[in-house]
Amino acid sequence: MDIATVIVAAGSGSRFGGSLPKQFLMLEGKPVLCHSIDTFRGTFPEAPIVLVLSDEGRLWWDEFCRTTGYISPVVAPGGATRADSVLSGIAALEKTTDNTDTIVMIHDGARPLATHRLLLSLAEAASAPGADGAVPAAPMADSMVSIAADGTISCPQRSGFRRVQTPQVFKLARLLHAHRAVADHAAFTDDLSVMIAAGHSAIRLVDSDDTNLKITTPADLRTAQAIIQSRS
């Protein structure tokens, strides 16, 4: 199968705090973003990668690559929303391939610990006959409540819910169709919701790794460091 990757790293990381976006913070000797890139390069050595960065992030990244010799993937400009940034990345991929069945992996630059096993499992599930794509999903560990408009709460069974992560994996042509079909990009926080809104609902759920966390807080960074050290 043909594989390609879009790594979205255009966010400001405002929830983390500090002046440097979380995807550029150092983790075990290299930026968080490099861990994400290197995992895809190690799993699919021949697959193209498009890295989506904001204008400010591009300045930092270019300087980092210049001073360290790190080889950057192709860079595409970020958009006003995450969905806009993804569309920018997949549009850049579209220019490099005429294979509409290319499998595209959309990944968060601040999610540095995805494993080779997970990436391979997602690629296999997304390329299965009849599948529109595949996403990693993890069980809910905590109890949940649902809050109605009038403030009334109910307690749904957590067994019927999953936490959805990245990489989210879809055929390029269907993902492009979905992003170009939805009316309000700002309403969508991930590509699974875009695909379903556009009518592509045959999405396979793949059991995620417990360690596939996203760096959102300083505590997450410390946890990621401990996980990497435990793997060595």
Protein backbone atom coordinates (compact mmCIF):
# COMPACT_ATOMS: atom_id res chain seq x y z
CA MET A 1 0.00 0.00 0.00
CA ASP A 2 1.05 3.62 -0.51
CA ILE A 3 1.45 5.46 2.79
CA ALA A 4 1.84 9.19 3.47
CA THR A 5 1.79 11.21 6.68
CA VAL A 6 0.66 14.70 7.69
CA ILE A 7 1.98 15.83 11.06
CA VAL A 8 0.04 18.80 12.40
CA ALA A 9 2.18 21.08 14.60
CA ALA A 10 0.75 24.53 13.96
CA GLY A 11 -0.82 25.06 17.39
CA SER A 12 0.31 27.64 19.91
CA GLY A 13 0.24 25.24 22.87
CA SER A 14 -1.55 27.83 25.00
CA ARG A 15 -2.87 25.24 27.47
CA PHE A 16 0.67 24.16 28.30
CA GLY A 17 1.83 27.65 29.23
CA GLY A 18 5.19 29.26 28.52
CA SER A 19 6.45 31.01 25.42
CA LEU A 20 7.46 27.93 23.39
CA PRO A 21 4.75 25.68 21.88
CA LYS A 22 4.75 22.21 23.43
CA GLN A 23 5.71 20.47 20.19
CA PHE A 24 9.09 22.24 20.31
CA LEU A 25 9.92 21.50 23.95
CA MET A 26 12.85 19.19 24.59
CA LEU A 27 12.09 15.57 25.47
CA GLU A 28 14.96 13.19 26.11
CA GLY A 29 17.42 15.22 24.07
CA LYS A 30 15.27 16.33 21.12
CA PRO A 31 12.07 18.30 20.50
CA VAL A 32 8.76 16.52 21.07
CA LEU A 33 8.01 17.00 17.37
CA CYS A 34 11.13 15.08 16.32
CA HIS A 35 9.98 12.03 18.25
CA SER A 36 6.76 12.05 16.22
CA ILE A 37 8.58 12.49 12.90
CA ASP A 38 11.21 9.85 13.68
CA THR A 39 8.61 7.22 14.56
CA PHE A 40 6.93 7.56 11.16
CA ARG A 41 10.28 7.60 9.37
CA GLY A 42 11.30 4.43 11.19
CA THR A 43 8.04 2.62 10.44
CA PHE A 44 7.54 3.74 6.82
CA PRO A 45 11.00 4.79 5.55
CA GLU A 46 9.85 5.51 1.98
CA ALA A 47 6.63 7.33 2.86
CA PRO A 48 6.46 11.10 2.31
CA ILE A 49 5.76 13.33 5.31
CA VAL A 50 4.23 16.80 5.27
CA LEU A 51 4.77 18.89 8.39
CA VAL A 52 2.22 21.66 9.02
CA LEU A 53 3.58 24.68 10.91
CA SER A 54 2.45 28.19 11.75
CA ASP A 55 4.53 31.10 10.46
CA GLU A 56 6.08 31.58 13.90
CA GLY A 57 6.69 27.88 14.32
CA ARG A 58 8.36 27.73 10.91
CA LEU A 59 10.91 30.31 12.02
CA TRP A 60 11.80 28.30 15.13
CA TRP A 61 11.87 25.03 13.17
CA ASP A 62 14.07 26.35 10.38
CA GLU A 63 16.57 27.63 12.92
CA PHE A 64 16.55 24.32 14.79
CA CYS A 65 17.15 22.34 11.60
CA ARG A 66 19.88 24.75 10.48
CA THR A 67 21.81 24.54 13.75
CA THR A 68 21.41 20.79 14.37
CA GLY A 69 21.43 19.37 10.85
CA TYR A 70 18.05 17.72 11.38
CA ILE A 71 16.43 17.01 8.01
CA SER A 72 12.95 18.49 7.89
CA PRO A 73 10.02 16.98 6.05
CA VAL A 74 8.23 19.13 3.47
CA VAL A 75 6.53 22.00 5.32
CA ALA A 76 3.01 23.31 4.62
CA PRO A 77 1.48 26.44 6.19
CA GLY A 78 -0.92 26.12 9.09
CA GLY A 79 -4.46 27.45 8.96
CA ALA A 80 -6.83 29.28 11.29
CA THR A 81 -8.15 25.99 12.72
CA ARG A 82 -6.79 22.48 13.08
CA ALA A 83 -9.04 21.30 10.24
CA ASP A 84 -7.70 24.09 8.02
CA SER A 85 -4.16 22.98 8.86
CA VAL A 86 -4.96 19.38 7.97
CA LEU A 87 -6.46 20.47 4.65
CA SER A 88 -3.30 22.45 3.92
CA GLY A 89 -1.21 19.34 4.59
CA ILE A 90 -3.27 16.92 2.53
CA ALA A 91 -3.52 19.44 -0.32
CA ALA A 92 0.29 19.50 -0.36
CA LEU A 93 0.29 15.70 -0.53
CA GLU A 94 -2.23 15.74 -3.37
CA LYS A 95 0.29 17.62 -5.51
CA THR A 96 2.86 14.83 -5.14
CA THR A 97 0.76 11.76 -5.97
CA ASP A 98 -1.83 10.63 -8.51
CA ASN A 99 -2.80 7.59 -6.43
CA THR A 100 -6.19 8.34 -4.89
CA ASP A 101 -5.93 5.16 -2.79
CA THR A 102 -2.91 6.48 -0.89
CA ILE A 103 -3.38 5.92 2.84
CA VAL A 104 -2.82 9.15 4.77
CA MET A 105 -1.96 9.22 8.46
CA ILE A 106 -2.90 12.45 10.24
CA HIS A 107 -0.95 12.84 13.48
CA ASP A 108 -0.50 15.41 16.23
CA GLY A 109 3.04 16.72 16.47
CA ALA A 110 2.64 16.84 20.26
CA ARG A 111 1.83 13.10 20.49
CA PRO A 112 5.38 11.70 20.47
CA LEU A 113 5.00 8.11 21.72
CA ALA A 114 2.99 6.27 19.07
CA THR A 115 4.51 2.84 18.48
CA HIS A 116 5.45 1.02 15.30
CA ARG A 117 2.88 -1.65 16.17
CA LEU A 118 0.09 0.90 16.37
CA LEU A 119 1.02 2.55 13.07
CA LEU A 120 1.15 -0.78 11.24
CA SER A 121 -2.17 -1.91 12.75
CA LEU A 122 -3.87 1.33 11.69
CA ALA A 123 -2.51 1.13 8.14
CA GLU A 124 -3.78 -2.44 7.79
CA ALA A 125 -7.23 -1.59 9.17
CA ALA A 126 -7.64 1.53 7.01
CA SER A 127 -6.74 -0.36 3.83
CA ALA A 128 -9.19 -3.22 4.44
CA PRO A 129 -12.00 -3.64 1.85
CA GLY A 130 -14.97 -1.44 2.66
CA ALA A 131 -13.14 0.67 5.23
CA ASP A 132 -13.22 4.47 5.06
CA GLY A 133 -10.42 4.69 7.58
CA ALA A 134 -9.13 3.69 10.99
CA VAL A 135 -8.49 5.51 14.25
CA PRO A 136 -6.82 4.51 17.53
CA ALA A 137 -9.22 4.31 20.44
CA ALA A 138 -8.75 3.69 24.15
CA PRO A 139 -11.30 2.74 26.83
CA MET A 140 -12.58 5.36 29.25
CA ALA A 141 -10.87 4.96 32.62
CA ASP A 142 -13.10 7.35 34.58
CA SER A 143 -16.84 7.48 35.13
CA MET A 144 -18.73 9.94 32.96
CA VAL A 145 -21.65 12.34 33.30
CA SER A 146 -23.78 13.94 30.59
CA ILE A 147 -25.06 17.47 31.26
CA ALA A 148 -28.32 18.59 29.60
CA ALA A 149 -29.07 22.19 28.66
CA ASP A 150 -31.09 22.65 31.86
CA GLY A 151 -28.21 21.39 34.02
CA THR A 152 -29.65 17.93 34.60
CA ILE A 153 -26.98 15.24 34.69
CA SER A 154 -27.11 11.59 33.76
CA CYS A 155 -24.51 8.85 34.02
CA PRO A 156 -23.94 6.92 30.76
CA GLN A 157 -22.13 3.60 30.86
CA ARG A 158 -18.49 4.25 30.05
CA SER A 159 -18.23 0.88 28.28
CA GLY A 160 -20.02 2.45 25.30
CA PHE A 161 -17.44 5.22 24.88
CA ARG A 162 -13.84 5.43 23.69
CA ARG A 163 -11.15 8.11 23.75
CA VAL A 164 -10.07 8.79 20.17
CA GLN A 165 -6.41 9.60 19.46
CA THR A 166 -4.08 10.07 16.50
CA PRO A 167 -2.80 9.05 14.03
CA GLN A 168 -6.13 8.94 12.25
CA VAL A 169 -5.82 7.13 8.94
CA PHE A 170 -7.90 7.52 5.77
CA LYS A 171 -7.66 7.17 2.01
CA LEU A 172 -6.43 10.46 0.54
CA ALA A 173 -9.31 10.99 -1.92
CA ARG A 174 -11.99 10.46 0.73
CA LEU A 175 -10.25 12.70 3.24
CA LEU A 176 -9.90 15.49 0.69
CA HIS A 177 -13.57 15.12 -0.22
CA ALA A 178 -14.59 15.30 3.43
CA HIS A 179 -12.54 18.40 4.24
CA ARG A 180 -13.77 20.20 1.15
CA ALA A 181 -17.40 19.18 1.74
CA VAL A 182 -17.91 20.36 5.33
CA ALA A 183 -19.24 23.88 5.71
CA ASP A 184 -17.64 25.06 8.97
CA HIS A 185 -14.11 23.84 9.62
CA ALA A 186 -14.04 25.54 13.01
CA ALA A 187 -16.67 23.10 14.30
CA PHE A 188 -14.40 20.05 13.96
CA THR A 189 -11.61 19.07 16.33
CA ASP A 190 -10.37 15.97 14.51
CA ASP A 191 -10.53 14.24 11.15
CA LEU A 192 -12.83 11.45 12.31
CA SER A 193 -15.59 14.01 12.94
CA VAL A 194 -14.96 15.61 9.52
CA MET A 195 -15.19 12.23 7.79
CA ILE A 196 -18.41 11.25 9.55
CA ALA A 197 -19.99 14.65 8.81
CA ALA A 198 -19.20 14.11 5.12
CA GLY A 199 -20.82 10.66 5.09
CA HIS A 200 -17.68 8.48 5.37
CA SER A 201 -18.65 6.48 8.45
CA ALA A 202 -17.08 3.04 7.89
CA ILE A 203 -14.26 3.75 10.32
CA ARG A 204 -12.43 0.91 12.06
CA LEU A 205 -11.42 1.34 15.71
CA VAL A 206 -7.98 0.00 16.57
CA ASP A 207 -6.97 -0.59 20.19
CA SER A 208 -4.47 2.10 21.09
CA ASP A 209 -1.36 1.80 23.24
CA ASP A 210 -1.66 3.03 26.81
CA THR A 211 1.39 5.20 26.24
CA ASN A 212 0.07 7.13 23.22
CA LEU A 213 -0.44 10.32 25.20
CA LYS A 214 -0.60 13.89 23.92
CA ILE A 215 1.61 16.50 25.57
CA THR A 216 -0.83 19.05 26.98
CA THR A 217 0.55 19.89 30.44
CA PRO A 218 3.98 19.87 32.11
CA ALA A 219 2.95 16.66 33.88
CA ASP A 220 2.43 15.00 30.48
CA LEU A 221 5.99 15.90 29.52
CA ARG A 222 7.34 14.26 32.67
CA THR A 223 5.22 11.17 32.02
CA ALA A 224 6.48 10.95 28.43
CA GLN A 225 10.05 11.18 29.65
CA ALA A 226 9.48 8.30 32.06
CA ILE A 227 7.91 6.18 29.31
CA ILE A 228 10.83 6.74 26.94
CA GLN A 229 13.31 5.86 29.67
CA SER A 230 11.38 2.67 30.45
CA ARG A 231 11.62 1.61 26.80
CA SER A 232 15.40 1.92 26.64
